[in-house]
Every structure is written in C-alpha cells, then in structure tokens.
C-alpha cells in the first residue's frame, strides 16, 4: 500500500440501540463518542439504526407480501392487456 493515502484502520464499536446489541470490529469510520468495552479499553462508538440483531430478515419476523393479490387488484383496476392504439 502507498503510505499516507489510506485512512486509519482501527477498532470501533458499532451499537444497535433498538436491539441493545453492540459488537467490536475494525473500521475506518470515526466518532467523537466513546464507550468502555468488556475488555476494559475505550473505543469509539457508532450508533446504527439497524443491524443483523434487529433487521426482520435476520430475526425471522419478515412479513410475506401477497404479490399475487396485488397483481390481481392492479389488473381489475386498470384492465389486462389494454393497448394505446
């Protein structure tokens, strides 16, 4: 790597406030807020709105949409196969 052109890569805590879940990883992201981690060290913390702990796809609470019903309703409303000749 060329020296002096890459951002600093350091440990950062990402915290999902909705799920009360946090994890320590390495990132180039920075923050003014800090948190004391389980190992006793202080790391920058970045609050995120959603993570794998709160996303419906990963938690199994994802809703299944009735796409067939939507298509049928669209066809009833606007007709099927109308052309603009």
PDB file of N, CA and C in Angstrom:
ATOM      1  N   UNK A   1       0.837  -1.188   0.000  1.00  0.00           N
ATOM      2  CA  UNK A   1       0.000   0.000   0.000  1.00  0.00           C
ATOM      3  C   UNK A   1       0.878   1.245   0.000  1.00  0.00           C
ATOM      4  N   UNK A   2       0.412   2.262  -0.682  1.00  0.00           N
ATOM      5  CA  UNK A   2       1.130   3.532  -0.681  1.00  0.00           C
ATOM      6  C   UNK A   2       0.989   4.187   0.686  1.00  0.00           C
ATOM      7  N   UNK A   3       2.050   4.687   1.243  1.00  0.00           N
ATOM      8  CA  UNK A   3       1.948   5.355   2.547  1.00  0.00           C
ATOM      9  C   UNK A   3       1.286   6.732   2.420  1.00  0.00           C
ATOM     10  N   UNK A   4       0.476   7.060   3.423  1.00  0.00           N
ATOM     11  CA  UNK A   4      -0.098   8.392   3.523  1.00  0.00           C
ATOM     12  C   UNK A   4      -1.375   8.651   2.744  1.00  0.00           C
ATOM     13  N   UNK A   5      -1.913   7.667   2.005  1.00  0.00           N
ATOM     14  CA  UNK A   5      -3.140   7.937   1.246  1.00  0.00           C
ATOM     15  C   UNK A   5      -4.337   7.148   1.768  1.00  0.00           C
ATOM     16  N   UNK A   6      -4.116   6.231   2.688  1.00  0.00           N
ATOM     17  CA  UNK A   6      -5.207   5.416   3.201  1.00  0.00           C
ATOM     18  C   UNK A   6      -5.650   5.897   4.580  1.00  0.00           C
ATOM     19  N   UNK A   7      -6.961   5.833   4.871  1.00  0.00           N
ATOM     20  CA  UNK A   7      -7.429   6.242   6.203  1.00  0.00           C
ATOM     21  C   UNK A   7      -6.969   5.251   7.267  1.00  0.00           C
ATOM     22  N   UNK A   8      -6.931   5.728   8.487  1.00  0.00           N
ATOM     23  CA  UNK A   8      -6.512   4.887   9.615  1.00  0.00           C
ATOM     24  C   UNK A   8      -7.545   3.797   9.866  1.00  0.00           C
ATOM     25  N   UNK A   9      -7.079   2.581  10.043  1.00  0.00           N
ATOM     26  CA  UNK A   9      -7.921   1.406  10.275  1.00  0.00           C
ATOM     27  C   UNK A   9      -7.758   1.024  11.738  1.00  0.00           C
ATOM     28  N   UNK A  10      -8.836   1.128  12.531  1.00  0.00           N
ATOM     29  CA  UNK A  10      -8.713   0.952  13.976  1.00  0.00           C
ATOM     30  C   UNK A  10      -9.956   0.250  14.540  1.00  0.00           C
ATOM     31  N   UNK A  11      -9.885  -0.235  15.782  1.00  0.00           N
ATOM     32  CA  UNK A  11     -11.058  -0.872  16.409  1.00  0.00           C
ATOM     33  C   UNK A  11     -12.175   0.149  16.663  1.00  0.00           C
ATOM     34  N   UNK A  12     -13.403  -0.259  16.375  1.00  0.00           N
ATOM     35  CA  UNK A  12     -14.587   0.582  16.567  1.00  0.00           C
ATOM     36  C   UNK A  12     -15.725  -0.303  17.065  1.00  0.00           C
ATOM     37  N   UNK A  13     -16.566   0.234  17.940  1.00  0.00           N
ATOM     38  CA  UNK A  13     -17.755  -0.479  18.408  1.00  0.00           C
ATOM     39  C   UNK A  13     -18.956   0.061  17.643  1.00  0.00           C
ATOM     40  N   UNK A  14     -19.709  -0.836  17.009  1.00  0.00           N
ATOM     41  CA  UNK A  14     -20.974  -0.481  16.375  1.00  0.00           C
ATOM     42  C   UNK A  14     -22.089  -0.920  17.307  1.00  0.00           C
ATOM     43  N   UNK A  15     -23.017  -0.005  17.599  1.00  0.00           N
ATOM     44  CA  UNK A  15     -24.071  -0.270  18.578  1.00  0.00           C
ATOM     45  C   UNK A  15     -25.441  -0.070  17.944  1.00  0.00           C
ATOM     46  N   UNK A  16     -26.271  -1.126  18.014  1.00  0.00           N
ATOM     47  CA  UNK A  16     -27.652  -1.062  17.545  1.00  0.00           C
ATOM     48  C   UNK A  16     -28.505  -0.729  18.763  1.00  0.00           C
ATOM     49  N   UNK A  17     -28.980   0.500  18.842  1.00  0.00           N
ATOM     50  CA  UNK A  17     -29.729   0.952  20.023  1.00  0.00           C
ATOM     51  C   UNK A  17     -31.081   0.254  20.132  1.00  0.00           C
ATOM     52  N   UNK A  18     -31.715  -0.080  19.008  1.00  0.00           N
ATOM     53  CA  UNK A  18     -33.042  -0.691  19.032  1.00  0.00           C
ATOM     54  C   UNK A  18     -32.992  -2.097  19.625  1.00  0.00           C
ATOM     55  N   UNK A  19     -31.928  -2.839  19.341  1.00  0.00           N
ATOM     56  CA  UNK A  19     -31.835  -4.222  19.809  1.00  0.00           C
ATOM     57  C   UNK A  19     -30.941  -4.356  21.029  1.00  0.00           C
ATOM     58  N   UNK A  20     -30.379  -3.249  21.511  1.00  0.00           N
ATOM     59  CA  UNK A  20     -29.453  -3.277  22.635  1.00  0.00           C
ATOM     60  C   UNK A  20     -28.338  -4.292  22.366  1.00  0.00           C
ATOM     61  N   UNK A  21     -27.674  -4.121  21.209  1.00  0.00           N
ATOM     62  CA  UNK A  21     -26.652  -5.044  20.746  1.00  0.00           C
ATOM     63  C   UNK A  21     -25.463  -4.235  20.252  1.00  0.00           C
ATOM     64  N   UNK A  22     -24.272  -4.654  20.612  1.00  0.00           N
ATOM     65  CA  UNK A  22     -23.068  -3.967  20.168  1.00  0.00           C
ATOM     66  C   UNK A  22     -22.004  -5.001  19.826  1.00  0.00           C
ATOM     67  N   UNK A  23     -21.151  -4.645  18.877  1.00  0.00           N
ATOM     68  CA  UNK A  23     -20.050  -5.533  18.539  1.00  0.00           C
ATOM     69  C   UNK A  23     -18.812  -4.713  18.199  1.00  0.00           C
ATOM     70  N   UNK A  24     -17.671  -5.288  18.507  1.00  0.00           N
ATOM     71  CA  UNK A  24     -16.382  -4.653  18.269  1.00  0.00           C
ATOM     72  C   UNK A  24     -15.802  -5.203  16.985  1.00  0.00           C
ATOM     73  N   UNK A  25     -15.394  -4.310  16.112  1.00  0.00           N
ATOM     74  CA  UNK A  25     -14.778  -4.699  14.848  1.00  0.00           C
ATOM     75  C   UNK A  25     -13.751  -3.639  14.484  1.00  0.00           C
ATOM     76  N   UNK A  26     -13.135  -3.774  13.335  1.00  0.00           N
ATOM     77  CA  UNK A  26     -12.185  -2.772  12.862  1.00  0.00           C
ATOM     78  C   UNK A  26     -12.802  -2.031  11.685  1.00  0.00           C
ATOM     79  N   UNK A  27     -12.560  -0.721  11.623  1.00  0.00           N
ATOM     80  CA  UNK A  27     -13.157   0.095  10.576  1.00  0.00           C
ATOM     81  C   UNK A  27     -12.347   1.369  10.392  1.00  0.00           C
ATOM     82  N   UNK A  28     -12.619   2.055   9.288  1.00  0.00           N
ATOM     83  CA  UNK A  28     -12.026   3.373   9.080  1.00  0.00           C
ATOM     84  C   UNK A  28     -12.960   4.475   9.564  1.00  0.00           C
ATOM     85  N   UNK A  29     -14.164   4.106   9.977  1.00  0.00           N
ATOM     86  CA  UNK A  29     -15.138   5.088  10.474  1.00  0.00           C
ATOM     87  C   UNK A  29     -14.661   5.662  11.810  1.00  0.00           C
ATOM     88  N   UNK A  30     -15.002   6.920  12.043  1.00  0.00           N
ATOM     89  CA  UNK A  30     -14.598   7.580  13.287  1.00  0.00           C
ATOM     90  C   UNK A  30     -15.821   8.163  13.982  1.00  0.00           C
ATOM     91  N   UNK A  31     -15.660   8.458  15.261  1.00  0.00           N
ATOM     92  CA  UNK A  31     -16.734   9.041  16.048  1.00  0.00           C
ATOM     93  C   UNK A  31     -16.144   9.807  17.215  1.00  0.00           C
ATOM     94  N   UNK A  32     -16.869  10.838  17.658  1.00  0.00           N
ATOM     95  CA  UNK A  32     -16.437  11.595  18.829  1.00  0.00           C
ATOM     96  C   UNK A  32     -16.868  10.903  20.117  1.00  0.00           C
ATOM     97  N   UNK A  33     -17.923  10.071  20.036  1.00  0.00           N
ATOM     98  CA  UNK A  33     -18.414   9.363  21.219  1.00  0.00           C
ATOM     99  C   UNK A  33     -17.551   8.126  21.468  1.00  0.00           C
ATOM    100  N   UNK A  34     -17.385   7.780  22.743  1.00  0.00           N
ATOM    101  CA  UNK A  34     -16.599   6.605  23.096  1.00  0.00           C
ATOM    102  C   UNK A  34     -17.385   5.732  24.069  1.00  0.00           C
ATOM    103  N   UNK A  35     -16.938   4.483  24.199  1.00  0.00           N
ATOM    104  CA  UNK A  35     -17.568   3.545  25.108  1.00  0.00           C
ATOM    105  C   UNK A  35     -16.478   2.654  25.696  1.00  0.00           C
ATOM    106  N   UNK A  36     -16.668   2.284  26.949  1.00  0.00           N
ATOM    107  CA  UNK A  36     -15.739   1.342  27.565  1.00  0.00           C
ATOM    108  C   UNK A  36     -16.239  -0.063  27.251  1.00  0.00           C
ATOM    109  N   UNK A  37     -15.397  -0.855  26.604  1.00  0.00           N
ATOM    110  CA  UNK A  37     -15.776  -2.196  26.167  1.00  0.00           C
ATOM    111  C   UNK A  37     -15.505  -3.209  27.257  1.00  0.00           C
ATOM    112  N   UNK A  38     -15.938  -4.447  27.058  1.00  0.00           N
ATOM    113  CA  UNK A  38     -15.824  -5.518  28.050  1.00  0.00           C
ATOM    114  C   UNK A  38     -14.383  -5.800  28.441  1.00  0.00           C
ATOM    115  N   UNK A  39     -13.428  -5.519  27.553  1.00  0.00           N
ATOM    116  CA  UNK A  39     -12.023  -5.787  27.860  1.00  0.00           C
ATOM    117  C   UNK A  39     -11.373  -4.672  28.666  1.00  0.00           C
ATOM    118  N   UNK A  40     -12.147  -3.617  29.009  1.00  0.00           N
ATOM    119  CA  UNK A  40     -11.640  -2.522  29.812  1.00  0.00           C
ATOM    120  C   UNK A  40     -11.073  -1.368  28.997  1.00  0.00           C
ATOM    121  N   UNK A  41     -10.922  -1.525  27.699  1.00  0.00           N
ATOM    122  CA  UNK A  41     -10.416  -0.463  26.837  1.00  0.00           C
ATOM    123  C   UNK A  41     -11.557   0.434  26.357  1.00  0.00           C
ATOM    124  N   UNK A  42     -11.213   1.660  25.997  1.00  0.00           N
ATOM    125  CA  UNK A  42     -12.184   2.617  25.484  1.00  0.00           C
ATOM    126  C   UNK A  42     -12.043   2.700  23.967  1.00  0.00           C
ATOM    127  N   UNK A  43     -13.176   2.576  23.270  1.00  0.00           N
ATOM    128  CA  UNK A  43     -13.193   2.603  21.811  1.00  0.00           C
ATOM    129  C   UNK A  43     -14.222   3.614  21.330  1.00  0.00           C
ATOM    130  N   UNK A  44     -14.035   4.148  20.112  1.00  0.00           N
ATOM    131  CA  UNK A  44     -15.082   4.989  19.533  1.00  0.00           C
ATOM    132  C   UNK A  44     -16.328   4.141  19.278  1.00  0.00           C
ATOM    133  N   UNK A  45     -17.510   4.738  19.451  1.00  0.00           N
ATOM    134  CA  UNK A  45     -18.761   4.006  19.236  1.00  0.00           C
ATOM    135  C   UNK A  45     -19.572   4.708  18.159  1.00  0.00           C
ATOM    136  N   UNK A  46     -20.139   3.903  17.257  1.00  0.00           N
ATOM    137  CA  UNK A  46     -21.002   4.430  16.193  1.00  0.00           C
ATOM    138  C   UNK A  46     -22.369   3.785  16.361  1.00  0.00           C
ATOM    139  N   UNK A  47     -23.391   4.618  16.550  1.00  0.00           N
ATOM    140  CA  UNK A  47     -24.764   4.126  16.705  1.00  0.00           C
ATOM    141  C   UNK A  47     -25.382   3.916  15.328  1.00  0.00           C
ATOM    142  N   UNK A  48     -25.969   2.730  15.128  1.00  0.00           N
ATOM    143  CA  UNK A  48     -26.628   2.415  13.870  1.00  0.00           C
ATOM    144  C   UNK A  48     -28.109   2.172  14.129  1.00  0.00           C
ATOM    145  N   UNK A  49     -28.935   2.428  13.125  1.00  0.00           N
ATOM    146  CA  UNK A  49     -30.379   2.254  13.285  1.00  0.00           C
ATOM    147  C   UNK A  49     -30.800   0.800  13.192  1.00  0.00           C
ATOM    148  N   UNK A  50     -30.075   0.013  12.409  1.00  0.00           N
ATOM    149  CA  UNK A  50     -30.474  -1.366  12.203  1.00  0.00           C
ATOM    150  C   UNK A  50     -29.229  -2.224  11.992  1.00  0.00           C
ATOM    151  N   UNK A  51     -29.276  -3.435  12.507  1.00  0.00           N
ATOM    152  CA  UNK A  51     -28.181  -4.387  12.330  1.00  0.00           C
ATOM    153  C   UNK A  51     -28.788  -5.776  12.185  1.00  0.00           C
ATOM    154  N   UNK A  52     -27.947  -6.780  12.129  1.00  0.00           N
ATOM    155  CA  UNK A  52     -28.464  -8.138  11.994  1.00  0.00           C
ATOM    156  C   UNK A  52     -29.274  -8.548  13.225  1.00  0.00           C
ATOM    157  N   UNK A  53     -29.087  -7.869  14.341  1.00  0.00           N
ATOM    158  CA  UNK A  53     -29.840  -8.189  15.551  1.00  0.00           C
ATOM    159  C   UNK A  53     -31.263  -7.648  15.518  1.00  0.00           C
ATOM    160  N   UNK A  54     -31.530  -6.643  14.682  1.00  0.00           N
ATOM    161  CA  UNK A  54     -32.868  -6.053  14.658  1.00  0.00           C
ATOM    162  C   UNK A  54     -33.528  -6.080  13.281  1.00  0.00           C
ATOM    163  N   UNK A  55     -32.817  -6.476  12.240  1.00  0.00           N
ATOM    164  CA  UNK A  55     -33.400  -6.495  10.896  1.00  0.00           C
ATOM    165  C   UNK A  55     -34.369  -7.668  10.762  1.00  0.00           C
ATOM    166  N   UNK A  56     -35.577  -7.438  10.227  1.00  0.00           N
ATOM    167  CA  UNK A  56     -36.584  -8.502  10.129  1.00  0.00           C
ATOM    168  C   UNK A  56     -36.114  -9.729   9.347  1.00  0.00           C
ATOM    169  N   UNK A  57     -35.285  -9.561   8.351  1.00  0.00           N
ATOM    170  CA  UNK A  57     -34.813 -10.711   7.577  1.00  0.00           C
ATOM    171  C   UNK A  57     -33.993 -11.659   8.449  1.00  0.00           C
ATOM    172  N   UNK A  58     -33.129 -11.107   9.293  1.00  0.00           N
ATOM    173  CA  UNK A  58     -32.250 -11.926  10.119  1.00  0.00           C
ATOM    174  C   UNK A  58     -32.936 -12.427  11.386  1.00  0.00           C
ATOM    175  N   UNK A  59     -33.948 -11.716  11.867  1.00  0.00           N
ATOM    176  CA  UNK A  59     -34.618 -12.134  13.101  1.00  0.00           C
ATOM    177  C   UNK A  59     -35.772 -13.086  12.848  1.00  0.00           C
ATOM    178  N   UNK A  60     -36.173 -13.275  11.585  1.00  0.00           N
ATOM    179  CA  UNK A  60     -37.250 -14.194  11.255  1.00  0.00           C
ATOM    180  C   UNK A  60     -38.633 -13.596  11.382  1.00  0.00           C
ATOM    181  N   UNK A  61     -38.741 -12.298  11.522  1.00  0.00           N
ATOM    182  CA  UNK A  61     -40.040 -11.637  11.652  1.00  0.00           C
ATOM    183  C   UNK A  61     -40.439 -10.936  10.354  1.00  0.00           C
ATOM    184  N   UNK A  62     -39.829 -11.337   9.257  1.00  0.00           N
ATOM    185  CA  UNK A  62     -40.123 -10.720   7.970  1.00  0.00           C
ATOM    186  C   UNK A  62     -41.531 -11.080   7.526  1.00  0.00           C
ATOM    187  N   UNK A  63     -42.259 -10.079   7.010  1.00  0.00           N
ATOM    188  CA  UNK A  63     -43.607 -10.308   6.507  1.00  0.00           C
ATOM    189  C   UNK A  63     -43.543 -10.769   5.063  1.00  0.00           C
ATOM    190  N   UNK A  64     -44.424 -11.677   4.700  1.00  0.00           N
ATOM    191  CA  UNK A  64     -44.523 -12.125   3.324  1.00  0.00           C
ATOM    192  C   UNK A  64     -45.631 -11.319   2.661  1.00  0.00           C
ATOM    193  N   UNK A  65     -45.289 -10.667   1.552  1.00  0.00           N
ATOM    194  CA  UNK A  65     -46.271  -9.842   0.854  1.00  0.00           C
ATOM    195  C   UNK A  65     -47.098 -10.700  -0.089  1.00  0.00           C
ATOM    196  N   UNK A  66     -48.362 -10.371  -0.205  1.00  0.00           N
ATOM    197  CA  UNK A  66     -49.256 -11.080  -1.105  1.00  0.00           C
ATOM    198  C   UNK A  66     -49.145 -10.434  -2.487  1.00  0.00           C
ATOM    199  N   UNK A  67     -48.099 -10.790  -3.231  1.00  0.00           N
ATOM    200  CA  UNK A  67     -47.886 -10.156  -4.529  1.00  0.00           C
ATOM    201  C   UNK A  67     -48.930 -10.591  -5.543  1.00  0.00           C
ATOM    202  N   UNK A  68     -49.426 -11.817  -5.441  1.00  0.00           N
ATOM    203  CA  UNK A  68     -50.450 -12.270  -6.383  1.00  0.00           C
ATOM    204  C   UNK A  68     -51.709 -11.426  -6.218  1.00  0.00           C
ATOM    205  N   UNK A  69     -52.096 -11.148  -5.001  1.00  0.00           N
ATOM    206  CA  UNK A  69     -53.260 -10.307  -4.745  1.00  0.00           C
ATOM    207  C   UNK A  69     -53.073  -8.904  -5.274  1.00  0.00           C
ATOM    208  N   UNK A  70     -51.880  -8.396  -5.176  1.00  0.00           N
ATOM    209  CA  UNK A  70     -51.615  -7.052  -5.679  1.00  0.00           C
ATOM    210  C   UNK A  70     -51.727  -7.002  -7.199  1.00  0.00           C
ATOM    211  N   UNK A  71     -51.213  -8.026  -7.866  1.00  0.00           N
ATOM    212  CA  UNK A  71     -51.288  -8.070  -9.328  1.00  0.00           C
ATOM    213  C   UNK A  71     -52.736  -8.166  -9.774  1.00  0.00           C
ATOM    214  N   UNK A  72     -53.509  -9.032  -9.124  1.00  0.00           N
ATOM    215  CA  UNK A  72     -54.919  -9.180  -9.484  1.00  0.00           C
ATOM    216  C   UNK A  72     -55.676  -7.875  -9.257  1.00  0.00           C
ATOM    217  N   UNK A  73     -55.411  -7.209  -8.186  1.00  0.00           N
ATOM    218  CA  UNK A  73     -56.078  -5.936  -7.903  1.00  0.00           C
ATOM    219  C   UNK A  73     -55.701  -4.896  -8.959  1.00  0.00           C
ATOM    220  N   UNK A  74     -54.434  -4.863  -9.372  1.00  0.00           N
ATOM    221  CA  UNK A  74     -53.993  -3.943 -10.412  1.00  0.00           C
ATOM    222  C   UNK A  74     -54.706  -4.236 -11.732  1.00  0.00           C
ATOM    223  N   UNK A  75     -54.801  -5.530 -12.082  1.00  0.00           N
ATOM    224  CA  UNK A  75     -55.473  -5.904 -13.329  1.00  0.00           C
ATOM    225  C   UNK A  75     -56.960  -5.570 -13.290  1.00  0.00           C
ATOM    226  N   UNK A  76     -57.618  -5.758 -12.150  1.00  0.00           N
ATOM    227  CA  UNK A  76     -59.033  -5.387 -12.030  1.00  0.00           C
ATOM    228  C   UNK A  76     -59.199  -3.883 -12.188  1.00  0.00           C
ATOM    229  N   UNK A  77     -58.305  -3.127 -11.592  1.00  0.00           N
ATOM    230  CA  UNK A  77     -58.428  -1.677 -11.609  1.00  0.00           C
ATOM    231  C   UNK A  77     -58.122  -1.097 -12.985  1.00  0.00           C
ATOM    232  N   UNK A  78     -57.058  -1.555 -13.612  1.00  0.00           N
ATOM    233  CA  UNK A  78     -56.618  -0.947 -14.860  1.00  0.00           C
ATOM    234  C   UNK A  78     -56.818  -1.840 -16.080  1.00  0.00           C
ATOM    235  N   UNK A  79     -57.353  -3.011 -15.914  1.00  0.00           N
ATOM    236  CA  UNK A  79     -57.586  -3.915 -17.037  1.00  0.00           C
ATOM    237  C   UNK A  79     -56.313  -4.634 -17.442  1.00  0.00           C
ATOM    238  N   UNK A  80     -56.485  -5.729 -18.147  1.00  0.00           N
ATOM    239  CA  UNK A  80     -55.343  -6.508 -18.540  1.00  0.00           C
ATOM    240  C   UNK A  80     -55.115  -6.357 -20.038  1.00  0.00           C
ATOM    241  N   UNK A  81     -53.893  -6.068 -20.437  1.00  0.00           N
ATOM    242  CA  UNK A  81     -53.506  -6.070 -21.831  1.00  0.00           C
ATOM    243  C   UNK A  81     -54.113  -4.960 -22.676  1.00  0.00           C
ATOM    244  N   UNK A  82     -54.498  -3.861 -22.075  1.00  0.00           N
ATOM    245  CA  UNK A  82     -55.007  -2.743 -22.890  1.00  0.00           C
ATOM    246  C   UNK A  82     -53.864  -2.151 -23.691  1.00  0.00           C
ATOM    247  N   UNK A  83     -54.131  -1.813 -24.928  1.00  0.00           N
ATOM    248  CA  UNK A  83     -53.102  -1.156 -25.734  1.00  0.00           C
ATOM    249  C   UNK A  83     -53.545   0.272 -26.017  1.00  0.00           C
ATOM    250  N   UNK A  84     -52.572   1.114 -26.350  1.00  0.00           N
ATOM    251  CA  UNK A  84     -52.861   2.544 -26.580  1.00  0.00           C
ATOM    252  C   UNK A  84     -52.887   2.853 -28.062  1.00  0.00           C
ATOM    253  N   UNK A  85     -53.518   2.037 -28.888  1.00  0.00           N
ATOM    254  CA  UNK A  85     -53.578   2.296 -30.329  1.00  0.00           C
ATOM    255  C   UNK A  85     -54.570   3.337 -30.676  1.00  0.00           C
TER     256      UNK A  85
END
